[in-house]
C-alpha atoms as a PDB file:
ATOM      1  CA  UNK A   1       0.202   0.059  -0.061  1.00  0.00           C
ATOM      2  CA  UNK A   2       2.587   2.251   0.650  1.00  0.00           C
ATOM      3  CA  UNK A   3       3.313   2.370  -2.891  1.00  0.00           C
ATOM      4  CA  UNK A   4       0.735   4.793  -3.688  1.00  0.00           C
ATOM      5  CA  UNK A   5       2.603   7.579  -1.713  1.00  0.00           C
ATOM      6  CA  UNK A   6       4.640   7.662  -4.797  1.00  0.00           C
ATOM      7  CA  UNK A   7       1.994   7.915  -7.343  1.00  0.00           C
ATOM      8  CA  UNK A   8       0.504  11.698  -9.100  1.00  0.00           C
ATOM      9  CA  UNK A   9      -2.783  11.980  -9.536  1.00  0.00           C
ATOM     10  CA  UNK A  10      -1.894  12.469 -13.229  1.00  0.00           C
ATOM     11  CA  UNK A  11      -1.390   8.663 -13.044  1.00  0.00           C
ATOM     12  CA  UNK A  12      -4.797   8.094 -11.876  1.00  0.00           C
ATOM     13  CA  UNK A  13      -6.398  10.110 -13.992  1.00  0.00           C
ATOM     14  CA  UNK A  14      -4.676   8.570 -16.725  1.00  0.00           C
ATOM     15  CA  UNK A  15      -5.528   5.072 -16.013  1.00  0.00           C
ATOM     16  CA  UNK A  16      -9.207   5.953 -15.511  1.00  0.00           C
ATOM     17  CA  UNK A  17      -9.345   7.139 -11.486  1.00  0.00           C
ATOM     18  CA  UNK A  18     -10.530  10.560 -12.596  1.00  0.00           C
ATOM     19  CA  UNK A  19     -13.995  10.611 -11.851  1.00  0.00           C
ATOM     20  CA  UNK A  20     -13.401   9.079  -8.465  1.00  0.00           C
ATOM     21  CA  UNK A  21     -10.471  11.304  -7.608  1.00  0.00           C
ATOM     22  CA  UNK A  22     -13.434  14.223  -8.263  1.00  0.00           C
ATOM     23  CA  UNK A  23     -15.403  12.982  -5.772  1.00  0.00           C
ATOM     24  CA  UNK A  24     -12.776  13.061  -3.309  1.00  0.00           C
ATOM     25  CA  UNK A  25     -11.611  16.867  -3.837  1.00  0.00           C
ATOM     26  CA  UNK A  26      -9.272  15.615  -6.457  1.00  0.00           C
ATOM     27  CA  UNK A  27      -6.781  14.407  -3.755  1.00  0.00           C
ATOM     28  CA  UNK A  28      -5.258  10.984  -3.797  1.00  0.00           C
ATOM     29  CA  UNK A  29      -5.126  11.056  -0.089  1.00  0.00           C
ATOM     30  CA  UNK A  30      -9.006  11.446   0.415  1.00  0.00           C
ATOM     31  CA  UNK A  31      -9.487   8.973  -2.287  1.00  0.00           C
ATOM     32  CA  UNK A  32      -7.428   6.153  -0.710  1.00  0.00           C
ATOM     33  CA  UNK A  33      -8.792   6.847   2.643  1.00  0.00           C
ATOM     34  CA  UNK A  34     -12.594   6.062   1.320  1.00  0.00           C
ATOM     35  CA  UNK A  35     -11.485   2.966  -1.078  1.00  0.00           C
ATOM     36  CA  UNK A  36      -8.593   1.466   2.451  1.00  0.00           C
ATOM     37  CA  UNK A  37     -10.309   2.899   5.836  1.00  0.00           C
ATOM     38  CA  UNK A  38      -8.424   0.862   7.608  1.00  0.00           C
ATOM     39  CA  UNK A  39      -4.941   1.606   6.254  1.00  0.00           C
ATOM     40  CA  UNK A  40      -3.489   4.315   8.229  1.00  0.00           C
ATOM     41  CA  UNK A  41      -2.661   6.836   5.543  1.00  0.00           C
ATOM     42  CA  UNK A  42      -0.191   9.936   5.943  1.00  0.00           C
ATOM     43  CA  UNK A  43      -1.679  12.975   4.229  1.00  0.00           C
ATOM     44  CA  UNK A  44       2.058  14.462   4.604  1.00  0.00           C
ATOM     45  CA  UNK A  45       3.643  11.288   2.880  1.00  0.00           C
ATOM     46  CA  UNK A  46       2.099  12.003  -0.421  1.00  0.00           C
ATOM     47  CA  UNK A  47       4.169  13.797  -2.925  1.00  0.00           C
ATOM     48  CA  UNK A  48       1.371  15.940  -4.266  1.00  0.00           C
ATOM     49  CA  UNK A  49      -0.516  16.621  -0.461  1.00  0.00           C
ATOM     50  CA  UNK A  50       2.984  17.730   1.053  1.00  0.00           C
ATOM     51  CA  UNK A  51       3.949  20.079  -2.105  1.00  0.00           C
ATOM     52  CA  UNK A  52       0.255  21.439  -2.339  1.00  0.00           C
ATOM     53  CA  UNK A  53       0.204  22.808   1.414  1.00  0.00           C
ATOM     54  CA  UNK A  54       3.563  24.323   0.906  1.00  0.00           C
ATOM     55  CA  UNK A  55       1.853  27.192  -0.485  1.00  0.00           C
ATOM     56  CA  UNK A  56       1.079  30.734   0.891  1.00  0.00           C
ATOM     57  CA  UNK A  57      -1.780  29.269   2.580  1.00  0.00           C
ATOM     58  CA  UNK A  58      -0.084  26.621   4.321  1.00  0.00           C
ATOM     59  CA  UNK A  59      -1.188  25.050   7.433  1.00  0.00           C
ATOM     60  CA  UNK A  60      -0.851  22.028   9.228  1.00  0.00           C
ATOM     61  CA  UNK A  61      -5.117  20.467  10.543  1.00  0.00           C
ATOM     62  CA  UNK A  62      -4.888  18.600  13.630  1.00  0.00           C
ATOM     63  CA  UNK A  63      -4.734  15.102  12.191  1.00  0.00           C
ATOM     64  CA  UNK A  64      -1.762  16.294  10.255  1.00  0.00           C
ATOM     65  CA  UNK A  65      -0.214  17.646  13.673  1.00  0.00           C
ATOM     66  CA  UNK A  66      -1.040  14.355  15.184  1.00  0.00           C
ATOM     67  CA  UNK A  67       0.742  12.484  12.302  1.00  0.00           C
ATOM     68  CA  UNK A  68       4.083  14.564  12.389  1.00  0.00           C
ATOM     69  CA  UNK A  69       4.110  14.040  16.149  1.00  0.00           C
ATOM     70  CA  UNK A  70       3.700  10.541  16.305  1.00  0.00           C
ATOM     71  CA  UNK A  71       6.095  10.414  13.669  1.00  0.00           C
ATOM     72  CA  UNK A  72       8.570  12.356  15.195  1.00  0.00           C
ATOM     73  CA  UNK A  73       8.080  10.563  18.456  1.00  0.00           C
ATOM     74  CA  UNK A  74       8.850   6.876  16.469  1.00  0.00           C
ATOM     75  CA  UNK A  75      12.364   8.125  15.408  1.00  0.00           C
ATOM     76  CA  UNK A  76      13.472   9.565  18.719  1.00  0.00           C
ATOM     77  CA  UNK A  77      12.554   6.122  20.149  1.00  0.00           C
ATOM     78  CA  UNK A  78      14.295   4.488  17.067  1.00  0.00           C
ATOM     79  CA  UNK A  79      17.680   6.445  16.871  1.00  0.00           C
ATOM     80  CA  UNK A  80      17.560   7.298  20.527  1.00  0.00           C
ATOM     81  CA  UNK A  81      16.865  10.867  20.869  1.00  0.00           C
ATOM     82  CA  UNK A  82      16.167  11.713  24.252  1.00  0.00           C
ATOM     83  CA  UNK A  83      14.457  15.349  23.448  1.00  0.00           C
ATOM     84  CA  UNK A  84      12.286  17.133  20.891  1.00  0.00           C
ATOM     85  CA  UNK A  85      11.554  20.419  20.305  1.00  0.00           C
ATOM     86  CA  UNK A  86       8.654  21.642  17.731  1.00  0.00           C
ATOM     87  CA  UNK A  87       9.290  25.161  16.963  1.00  0.00           C
ATOM     88  CA  UNK A  88       5.839  26.909  15.616  1.00  0.00           C
ATOM     89  CA  UNK A  89       6.330  30.165  13.536  1.00  0.00           C
ATOM     90  CA  UNK A  90       3.791  32.569  12.611  1.00  0.00           C
ATOM     91  CA  UNK A  91       4.093  34.459   8.918  1.00  0.00           C
ATOM     92  CA  UNK A  92       1.760  37.081   8.083  1.00  0.00           C
ATOM     93  CA  UNK A  93       0.915  37.787   4.459  1.00  0.00           C
ATOM     94  CA  UNK A  94       0.657  41.717   3.718  1.00  0.00           C
END
């Protein structure tokens, strides 16, 4: 299932999945969550989802925040880091 993280929306559309994507806000993440609801999808791992969130309107919803913190905690345990600090910056657009 993890191979889906590297698939682009354009590939899904070319292979005939455009209608399904449209029903799910053109989001591969949302589409796969609907098709495979029991798999623990992580929005931040989808290349196009991550790219679209790195715009002037970048924000993390609570699900994304939780996924990032869980991933940091797992990495912390795996490589023996004692403390993890998260810095959040607020940016104002004029």
